Amino acid sequence: LDARRHEVMKAVMMNAADKIQDRGDGLMLG
């Protein structure tokens, strides 16, 4: 049920955000 915590949603979406386009080698996490 921790999956329903609003802090988890905040951390997940912020951490998954696009910053720098990956060159295809995975070094920029895709």
Full PDB file with SEQRES, HELIX, SHEET, SSBOND, CRYST1, ORIGX, SCALE, CONECT and MASTER records, all heavy atoms in Angstrom:
SEQRES   1 A   30  LEU ASP ALA ARG ARG HIS GLU VAL MET LYS ALA VAL MET          
SEQRES   2 A   30  MET ASN ALA ALA ASP LYS ILE GLN ASP ARG GLY ASP GLY          
SEQRES   3 A   30  LEU MET LEU GLY                                              
HELIX    1 AA1 ASP A    2  ARG A    4  5                                   3    
HELIX    2 AA2 HIS A    6  ASN A   15  1                                  10    
CRYST1    1.000    1.000    1.000  90.00  90.00  90.00 P 1           1          
ORIGX1      1.000000  0.000000  0.000000        0.00000                         
ORIGX2      0.000000  1.000000  0.000000        0.00000                         
ORIGX3      0.000000  0.000000  1.000000        0.00000                         
SCALE1      1.000000  0.000000  0.000000        0.00000                         
SCALE2      0.000000  1.000000  0.000000        0.00000                         
SCALE3      0.000000  0.000000  1.000000        0.00000                         
ATOM      1  N   LEU A   1       0.811  -1.214   0.000  1.00  0.00           N  
ATOM      2  CA  LEU A   1       0.000   0.000   0.000  1.00  0.00           C  
ATOM      3  C   LEU A   1       0.845   1.266   0.000  1.00  0.00           C  
ATOM      4  O   LEU A   1       0.321   2.360  -0.232  1.00  0.00           O  
ATOM      5  CB  LEU A   1      -0.960   0.001   1.192  1.00  0.00           C  
ATOM      6  CG  LEU A   1      -2.062  -1.063   1.152  1.00  0.00           C  
ATOM      7  CD1 LEU A   1      -2.920  -0.976   2.408  1.00  0.00           C  
ATOM      8  CD2 LEU A   1      -2.936  -0.902  -0.095  1.00  0.00           C  
ATOM      9  N   ASP A   2       2.152   1.130   0.248  1.00  0.00           N  
ATOM     10  CA  ASP A   2       3.036   2.293   0.134  1.00  0.00           C  
ATOM     11  C   ASP A   2       2.999   2.877  -1.270  1.00  0.00           C  
ATOM     12  O   ASP A   2       3.321   4.060  -1.452  1.00  0.00           O  
ATOM     13  CB  ASP A   2       4.481   1.897   0.470  1.00  0.00           C  
ATOM     14  CG  ASP A   2       4.681   1.598   1.941  1.00  0.00           C  
ATOM     15  OD1 ASP A   2       3.845   2.023   2.764  1.00  0.00           O  
ATOM     16  OD2 ASP A   2       5.675   0.919   2.276  1.00  0.00           O  
ATOM     17  N   ALA A   3       2.623   2.078  -2.257  1.00  0.00           N  
ATOM     18  CA  ALA A   3       2.532   2.562  -3.639  1.00  0.00           C  
ATOM     19  C   ALA A   3       1.517   3.682  -3.787  1.00  0.00           C  
ATOM     20  O   ALA A   3       1.559   4.434  -4.775  1.00  0.00           O  
ATOM     21  CB  ALA A   3       2.187   1.405  -4.577  1.00  0.00           C  
ATOM     22  N   ARG A   4       0.600   3.799  -2.841  1.00  0.00           N  
ATOM     23  CA  ARG A   4      -0.426   4.846  -2.911  1.00  0.00           C  
ATOM     24  C   ARG A   4       0.016   6.159  -2.257  1.00  0.00           C  
ATOM     25  O   ARG A   4      -0.729   7.141  -2.302  1.00  0.00           O  
ATOM     26  CB  ARG A   4      -1.708   4.345  -2.241  1.00  0.00           C  
ATOM     27  CG  ARG A   4      -2.348   3.174  -2.980  1.00  0.00           C  
ATOM     28  CD  ARG A   4      -3.602   2.688  -2.277  1.00  0.00           C  
ATOM     29  NE  ARG A   4      -4.223   1.581  -3.006  1.00  0.00           N  
ATOM     30  CZ  ARG A   4      -5.248   0.872  -2.553  1.00  0.00           C  
ATOM     31  NH1 ARG A   4      -5.756   1.145  -1.355  1.00  0.00           N  
ATOM     32  NH2 ARG A   4      -5.750  -0.112  -3.276  1.00  0.00           N  
ATOM     33  N   ARG A   5       1.184   6.188  -1.668  1.00  0.00           N  
ATOM     34  CA  ARG A   5       1.634   7.394  -1.002  1.00  0.00           C  
ATOM     35  C   ARG A   5       1.931   8.498  -2.019  1.00  0.00           C  
ATOM     36  O   ARG A   5       2.550   8.269  -3.057  1.00  0.00           O  
ATOM     37  CB  ARG A   5       2.892   7.112  -0.182  1.00  0.00           C  
ATOM     38  CG  ARG A   5       2.687   6.219   1.018  1.00  0.00           C  
ATOM     39  CD  ARG A   5       1.746   6.824   2.031  1.00  0.00           C  
ATOM     40  NE  ARG A   5       2.108   8.202   2.399  1.00  0.00           N  
ATOM     41  CZ  ARG A   5       1.407   8.936   3.270  1.00  0.00           C  
ATOM     42  NH1 ARG A   5       0.315   8.435   3.841  1.00  0.00           N  
ATOM     43  NH2 ARG A   5       1.784  10.161   3.558  1.00  0.00           N  
ATOM     44  N   HIS A   6       1.493   9.712  -1.690  1.00  0.00           N  
ATOM     45  CA  HIS A   6       1.708  10.833  -2.603  1.00  0.00           C  
ATOM     46  C   HIS A   6       3.191  11.170  -2.736  1.00  0.00           C  
ATOM     47  O   HIS A   6       3.639  11.616  -3.800  1.00  0.00           O  
ATOM     48  CB  HIS A   6       0.920  12.065  -2.139  1.00  0.00           C  
ATOM     49  CG  HIS A   6       1.354  12.617  -0.821  1.00  0.00           C  
ATOM     50  ND1 HIS A   6       0.951  12.094   0.390  1.00  0.00           N  
ATOM     51  CD2 HIS A   6       2.173  13.658  -0.520  1.00  0.00           C  
ATOM     52  CE1 HIS A   6       1.489  12.786   1.372  1.00  0.00           C  
ATOM     53  NE2 HIS A   6       2.244  13.744   0.852  1.00  0.00           N  
ATOM     54  N   GLU A   7       3.982  10.948  -1.671  1.00  0.00           N  
ATOM     55  CA  GLU A   7       5.416  11.203  -1.776  1.00  0.00           C  
ATOM     56  C   GLU A   7       6.074  10.273  -2.805  1.00  0.00           C  
ATOM     57  O   GLU A   7       7.021  10.662  -3.488  1.00  0.00           O  
ATOM     58  CB  GLU A   7       6.106  11.000  -0.419  1.00  0.00           C  
ATOM     59  CG  GLU A   7       5.572  11.892   0.695  1.00  0.00           C  
ATOM     60  CD  GLU A   7       4.602  11.145   1.592  1.00  0.00           C  
ATOM     61  OE1 GLU A   7       3.746  10.402   1.036  1.00  0.00           O  
ATOM     62  OE2 GLU A   7       4.682  11.296   2.810  1.00  0.00           O  
ATOM     63  N   VAL A   8       5.562   9.035  -2.903  1.00  0.00           N  
ATOM     64  CA  VAL A   8       6.098   8.086  -3.886  1.00  0.00           C  
ATOM     65  C   VAL A   8       5.812   8.574  -5.297  1.00  0.00           C  
ATOM     66  O   VAL A   8       6.688   8.541  -6.173  1.00  0.00           O  
ATOM     67  CB  VAL A   8       5.513   6.678  -3.648  1.00  0.00           C  
ATOM     68  CG1 VAL A   8       5.877   5.736  -4.796  1.00  0.00           C  
ATOM     69  CG2 VAL A   8       6.002   6.113  -2.320  1.00  0.00           C  
ATOM     70  N   MET A   9       4.592   9.051  -5.543  1.00  0.00           N  
ATOM     71  CA  MET A   9       4.254   9.573  -6.869  1.00  0.00           C  
ATOM     72  C   MET A   9       5.158  10.745  -7.235  1.00  0.00           C  
ATOM     73  O   MET A   9       5.635  10.861  -8.369  1.00  0.00           O  
ATOM     74  CB  MET A   9       2.794  10.021  -6.905  1.00  0.00           C  
ATOM     75  CG  MET A   9       1.781   8.897  -6.874  1.00  0.00           C  
ATOM     76  SD  MET A   9       1.777   7.913  -8.399  1.00  0.00           S  
ATOM     77  CE  MET A   9       2.927   6.608  -7.967  1.00  0.00           C  
ATOM     78  N   LYS A  10       5.399  11.607  -6.291  1.00  0.00           N  
ATOM     79  CA  LYS A  10       6.243  12.776  -6.520  1.00  0.00           C  
ATOM     80  C   LYS A  10       7.665  12.352  -6.874  1.00  0.00           C  
ATOM     81  O   LYS A  10       8.245  12.809  -7.880  1.00  0.00           O  
ATOM     82  CB  LYS A  10       6.228  13.646  -5.268  1.00  0.00           C  
ATOM     83  CG  LYS A  10       7.018  14.943  -5.357  1.00  0.00           C  
ATOM     84  CD  LYS A  10       6.823  15.744  -4.067  1.00  0.00           C  
ATOM     85  CE  LYS A  10       7.589  17.056  -4.085  1.00  0.00           C  
ATOM     86  NZ  LYS A  10       7.354  17.846  -2.840  1.00  0.00           N  
ATOM     87  N   ALA A  11       8.242  11.462  -6.064  1.00  0.00           N  
ATOM     88  CA  ALA A  11       9.614  11.016  -6.309  1.00  0.00           C  
ATOM     89  C   ALA A  11       9.738  10.260  -7.628  1.00  0.00           C  
ATOM     90  O   ALA A  11      10.706  10.434  -8.375  1.00  0.00           O  
ATOM     91  CB  ALA A  11      10.090  10.142  -5.151  1.00  0.00           C  
ATOM     92  N   VAL A  12       8.755   9.423  -7.949  1.00  0.00           N  
ATOM     93  CA  VAL A  12       8.791   8.611  -9.170  1.00  0.00           C  
ATOM     94  C   VAL A  12       8.780   9.483 -10.416  1.00  0.00           C  
ATOM     95  O   VAL A  12       9.623   9.327 -11.314  1.00  0.00           O  
ATOM     96  CB  VAL A  12       7.614   7.617  -9.178  1.00  0.00           C  
ATOM     97  CG1 VAL A  12       7.322   7.120 -10.590  1.00  0.00           C  
ATOM     98  CG2 VAL A  12       7.904   6.439  -8.257  1.00  0.00           C  
ATOM     99  N   MET A  13       7.821  10.398 -10.511  1.00  0.00           N  
ATOM    100  CA  MET A  13       7.709  11.214 -11.726  1.00  0.00           C  
ATOM    101  C   MET A  13       8.886  12.160 -11.881  1.00  0.00           C  
ATOM    102  O   MET A  13       9.367  12.392 -12.996  1.00  0.00           O  
ATOM    103  CB  MET A  13       6.380  11.981 -11.727  1.00  0.00           C  
ATOM    104  CG  MET A  13       5.169  11.093 -11.926  1.00  0.00           C  
ATOM    105  SD  MET A  13       3.617  12.018 -12.160  1.00  0.00           S  
ATOM    106  CE  MET A  13       3.379  12.696 -10.522  1.00  0.00           C  
ATOM    107  N   MET A  14       9.371  12.707 -10.775  1.00  0.00           N  
ATOM    108  CA  MET A  14      10.518  13.611 -10.852  1.00  0.00           C  
ATOM    109  C   MET A  14      11.787  12.853 -11.244  1.00  0.00           C  
ATOM    110  O   MET A  14      12.604  13.348 -12.013  1.00  0.00           O  
ATOM    111  CB  MET A  14      10.703  14.342  -9.530  1.00  0.00           C  
ATOM    112  CG  MET A  14       9.609  15.333  -9.208  1.00  0.00           C  
ATOM    113  SD  MET A  14       9.823  16.199  -7.630  1.00  0.00           S  
ATOM    114  CE  MET A  14      11.229  17.248  -8.002  1.00  0.00           C  
ATOM    115  N   ASN A  15      11.942  11.633 -10.726  1.00  0.00           N  
ATOM    116  CA  ASN A  15      13.165  10.899 -11.031  1.00  0.00           C  
ATOM    117  C   ASN A  15      13.184  10.363 -12.450  1.00  0.00           C  
ATOM    118  O   ASN A  15      14.252  10.185 -13.049  1.00  0.00           O  
ATOM    119  CB  ASN A  15      13.358   9.747 -10.042  1.00  0.00           C  
ATOM    120  CG  ASN A  15      14.805   9.340  -9.912  1.00  0.00           C  
ATOM    121  OD1 ASN A  15      15.645  10.149  -9.524  1.00  0.00           O  
ATOM    122  ND2 ASN A  15      15.129   8.102 -10.266  1.00  0.00           N  
ATOM    123  N   ALA A  16      12.002  10.095 -13.013  1.00  0.00           N  
ATOM    124  CA  ALA A  16      11.911   9.540 -14.363  1.00  0.00           C  
ATOM    125  C   ALA A  16      11.938  10.613 -15.453  1.00  0.00           C  
ATOM    126  O   ALA A  16      11.891  10.285 -16.641  1.00  0.00           O  
ATOM    127  CB  ALA A  16      10.633   8.708 -14.491  1.00  0.00           C  
ATOM    128  N   ALA A  17      12.014  11.872 -15.071  1.00  0.00           N  
ATOM    129  CA  ALA A  17      11.927  12.965 -16.039  1.00  0.00           C  
ATOM    130  C   ALA A  17      13.074  12.931 -17.042  1.00  0.00           C  
ATOM    131  O   ALA A  17      14.179  12.498 -16.734  1.00  0.00           O  
ATOM    132  CB  ALA A  17      11.927  14.304 -15.300  1.00  0.00           C  
ATOM    133  N   ASP A  18      12.772  13.403 -18.254  1.00  0.00           N  
ATOM    134  CA  ASP A  18      13.793  13.550 -19.303  1.00  0.00           C  
ATOM    135  C   ASP A  18      14.660  14.769 -19.034  1.00  0.00           C  
ATOM    136  O   ASP A  18      14.145  15.865 -18.768  1.00  0.00           O  
ATOM    137  CB  ASP A  18      13.127  13.740 -20.668  1.00  0.00           C  
ATOM    138  CG  ASP A  18      12.757  12.434 -21.337  1.00  0.00           C  
ATOM    139  OD1 ASP A  18      13.439  11.421 -21.082  1.00  0.00           O  
ATOM    140  OD2 ASP A  18      11.801  12.420 -22.125  1.00  0.00           O  
ATOM    141  N   LYS A  19      15.992  14.596 -19.149  1.00  0.00           N  
ATOM    142  CA  LYS A  19      16.932  15.708 -19.044  1.00  0.00           C  
ATOM    143  C   LYS A  19      17.771  15.839 -20.316  1.00  0.00           C  
ATOM    144  O   LYS A  19      17.738  16.865 -20.993  1.00  0.00           O  
ATOM    145  CB  LYS A  19      17.873  15.519 -17.848  1.00  0.00           C  
ATOM    146  CG  LYS A  19      17.249  15.652 -16.481  1.00  0.00           C  
ATOM    147  CD  LYS A  19      18.324  15.468 -15.426  1.00  0.00           C  
ATOM    148  CE  LYS A  19      17.797  15.634 -14.025  1.00  0.00           C  
ATOM    149  NZ  LYS A  19      16.858  14.554 -13.638  1.00  0.00           N  
ATOM    150  N   ILE A  20      18.524  14.781 -20.606  1.00  0.00           N  
ATOM    151  CA  ILE A  20      19.464  14.783 -21.719  1.00  0.00           C  
ATOM    152  C   ILE A  20      19.189  13.550 -22.594  1.00  0.00           C  
ATOM    153  O   ILE A  20      19.165  12.427 -22.079  1.00  0.00           O  
ATOM    154  CB  ILE A  20      20.931  14.738 -21.226  1.00  0.00           C  
ATOM    155  CG1 ILE A  20      21.214  15.909 -20.273  1.00  0.00           C  
ATOM    156  CG2 ILE A  20      21.891  14.750 -22.401  1.00  0.00           C  
ATOM    157  CD1 ILE A  20      21.154  17.279 -20.920  1.00  0.00           C  
ATOM    158  N   GLN A  21      19.002  13.758 -23.875  1.00  0.00           N  
ATOM    159  CA  GLN A  21      18.685  12.637 -24.764  1.00  0.00           C  
ATOM    160  C   GLN A  21      19.827  11.621 -24.778  1.00  0.00           C  
ATOM    161  O   GLN A  21      20.997  11.963 -24.950  1.00  0.00           O  
ATOM    162  CB  GLN A  21      18.414  13.130 -26.179  1.00  0.00           C  
ATOM    163  CG  GLN A  21      17.953  12.017 -27.118  1.00  0.00           C  
ATOM    164  CD  GLN A  21      17.480  12.565 -28.454  1.00  0.00           C  
ATOM    165  OE1 GLN A  21      17.595  13.754 -28.727  1.00  0.00           O  
ATOM    166  NE2 GLN A  21      16.935  11.702 -29.284  1.00  0.00           N  
ATOM    167  N   ASP A  22      19.460  10.368 -24.582  1.00  0.00           N  
ATOM    168  CA  ASP A  22      20.445   9.291 -24.583  1.00  0.00           C  
ATOM    169  C   ASP A  22      20.940   9.031 -26.008  1.00  0.00           C  
ATOM    170  O   ASP A  22      20.177   9.091 -26.975  1.00  0.00           O  
ATOM    171  CB  ASP A  22      19.802   8.019 -24.017  1.00  0.00           C  
ATOM    172  CG  ASP A  22      20.803   6.933 -23.700  1.00  0.00           C  
ATOM    173  OD1 ASP A  22      21.129   6.146 -24.611  1.00  0.00           O  
ATOM    174  OD2 ASP A  22      21.267   6.875 -22.561  1.00  0.00           O  
ATOM    175  N   ARG A  23      22.226   8.735 -26.131  1.00  0.00           N  
ATOM    176  CA  ARG A  23      22.827   8.487 -27.451  1.00  0.00           C  
ATOM    177  C   ARG A  23      22.614   7.058 -27.933  1.00  0.00           C  
ATOM    178  O   ARG A  23      23.086   6.686 -29.008  1.00  0.00           O  
ATOM    179  CB  ARG A  23      24.324   8.786 -27.399  1.00  0.00           C  
ATOM    180  CG  ARG A  23      24.666  10.237 -27.121  1.00  0.00           C  
ATOM    181  CD  ARG A  23      26.171  10.477 -27.185  1.00  0.00           C  
ATOM    182  NE  ARG A  23      26.860   9.743 -26.140  1.00  0.00           N  
ATOM    183  CZ  ARG A  23      27.127  10.242 -24.936  1.00  0.00           C  
ATOM    184  NH1 ARG A  23      26.738  11.480 -24.630  1.00  0.00           N  
ATOM    185  NH2 ARG A  23      27.764   9.519 -24.022  1.00  0.00           N  
ATOM    186  N   GLY A  24      21.922   6.265 -27.147  1.00  0.00           N  
ATOM    187  CA  GLY A  24      21.700   4.879 -27.508  1.00  0.00           C  
ATOM    188  C   GLY A  24      22.580   3.912 -26.750  1.00  0.00           C  
ATOM    189  O   GLY A  24      22.435   2.692 -26.895  1.00  0.00           O  
ATOM    190  N   ASP A  25      23.471   4.428 -25.907  1.00  0.00           N  
ATOM    191  CA  ASP A  25      24.363   3.564 -25.138  1.00  0.00           C  
ATOM    192  C   ASP A  25      23.894   3.369 -23.697  1.00  0.00           C  
ATOM    193  O   ASP A  25      24.527   2.666 -22.916  1.00  0.00           O  
ATOM    194  CB  ASP A  25      25.786   4.112 -25.141  1.00  0.00           C  
ATOM    195  CG  ASP A  25      25.870   5.564 -24.666  1.00  0.00           C  
ATOM    196  OD1 ASP A  25      24.885   6.068 -24.089  1.00  0.00           O  
ATOM    197  OD2 ASP A  25      26.928   6.205 -24.903  1.00  0.00           O  
ATOM    198  N   GLY A  26      22.774   4.008 -23.337  1.00  0.00           N  
ATOM    199  CA  GLY A  26      22.213   3.846 -22.004  1.00  0.00           C  
ATOM    200  C   GLY A  26      22.878   4.661 -20.921  1.00  0.00           C  
ATOM    201  O   GLY A  26      22.449   4.625 -19.765  1.00  0.00           O  
ATOM    202  N   LEU A  27      23.912   5.435 -21.270  1.00  0.00           N  
ATOM    203  CA  LEU A  27      24.634   6.191 -20.249  1.00  0.00           C  
ATOM    204  C   LEU A  27      23.798   7.332 -19.683  1.00  0.00           C  
ATOM    205  O   LEU A  27      24.047   7.806 -18.571  1.00  0.00           O  
ATOM    206  CB  LEU A  27      25.952   6.724 -20.810  1.00  0.00           C  
ATOM    207  CG  LEU A  27      26.955   5.664 -21.285  1.00  0.00           C  
ATOM    208  CD1 LEU A  27      28.251   6.322 -21.753  1.00  0.00           C  
ATOM    209  CD2 LEU A  27      27.233   4.643 -20.178  1.00  0.00           C  
ATOM    210  N   MET A  28      22.796   7.784 -20.455  1.00  0.00           N  
ATOM    211  CA  MET A  28      21.859   8.804 -19.979  1.00  0.00           C  
ATOM    212  C   MET A  28      20.511   8.171 -19.639  1.00  0.00           C  
ATOM    213  O   MET A  28      19.459   8.810 -19.744  1.00  0.00           O  
ATOM    214  CB  MET A  28      21.690   9.919 -21.018  1.00  0.00           C  
ATOM    215  CG  MET A  28      22.908  10.807 -21.161  1.00  0.00           C  
ATOM    216  SD  MET A  28      23.220  11.748 -19.652  1.00  0.00           S  
ATOM    217  CE  MET A  28      24.719  12.629 -20.124  1.00  0.00           C  
ATOM    218  N   LEU A  29      20.549   6.899 -19.269  1.00  0.00           N  
ATOM    219  CA  LEU A  29      19.383   6.188 -18.733  1.00  0.00           C  
ATOM    220  C   LEU A  29      18.226   6.104 -19.713  1.00  0.00           C  
ATOM    221  O   LEU A  29      17.061   6.019 -19.311  1.00  0.00           O  
ATOM    222  CB  LEU A  29      18.928   6.840 -17.411  1.00  0.00           C  
ATOM    223  CG  LEU A  29      20.025   7.057 -16.367  1.00  0.00           C  
ATOM    224  CD1 LEU A  29      19.466   7.749 -15.141  1.00  0.00           C  
ATOM    225  CD2 LEU A  29      20.683   5.737 -15.989  1.00  0.00           C  
ATOM    226  N   GLY A  30      18.529   6.141 -21.005  1.00  0.00           N  
ATOM    227  CA  GLY A  30      17.495   5.988 -22.022  1.00  0.00           C  
ATOM    228  C   GLY A  30      16.572   7.174 -22.192  1.00  0.00           C  
ATOM    229  O   GLY A  30      15.485   7.050 -22.773  1.00  0.00           O  
TER     230      GLY A  30                                                      
MASTER        0    0    0    2    0    0    0    6  229    1    0    3          
END                                                                             
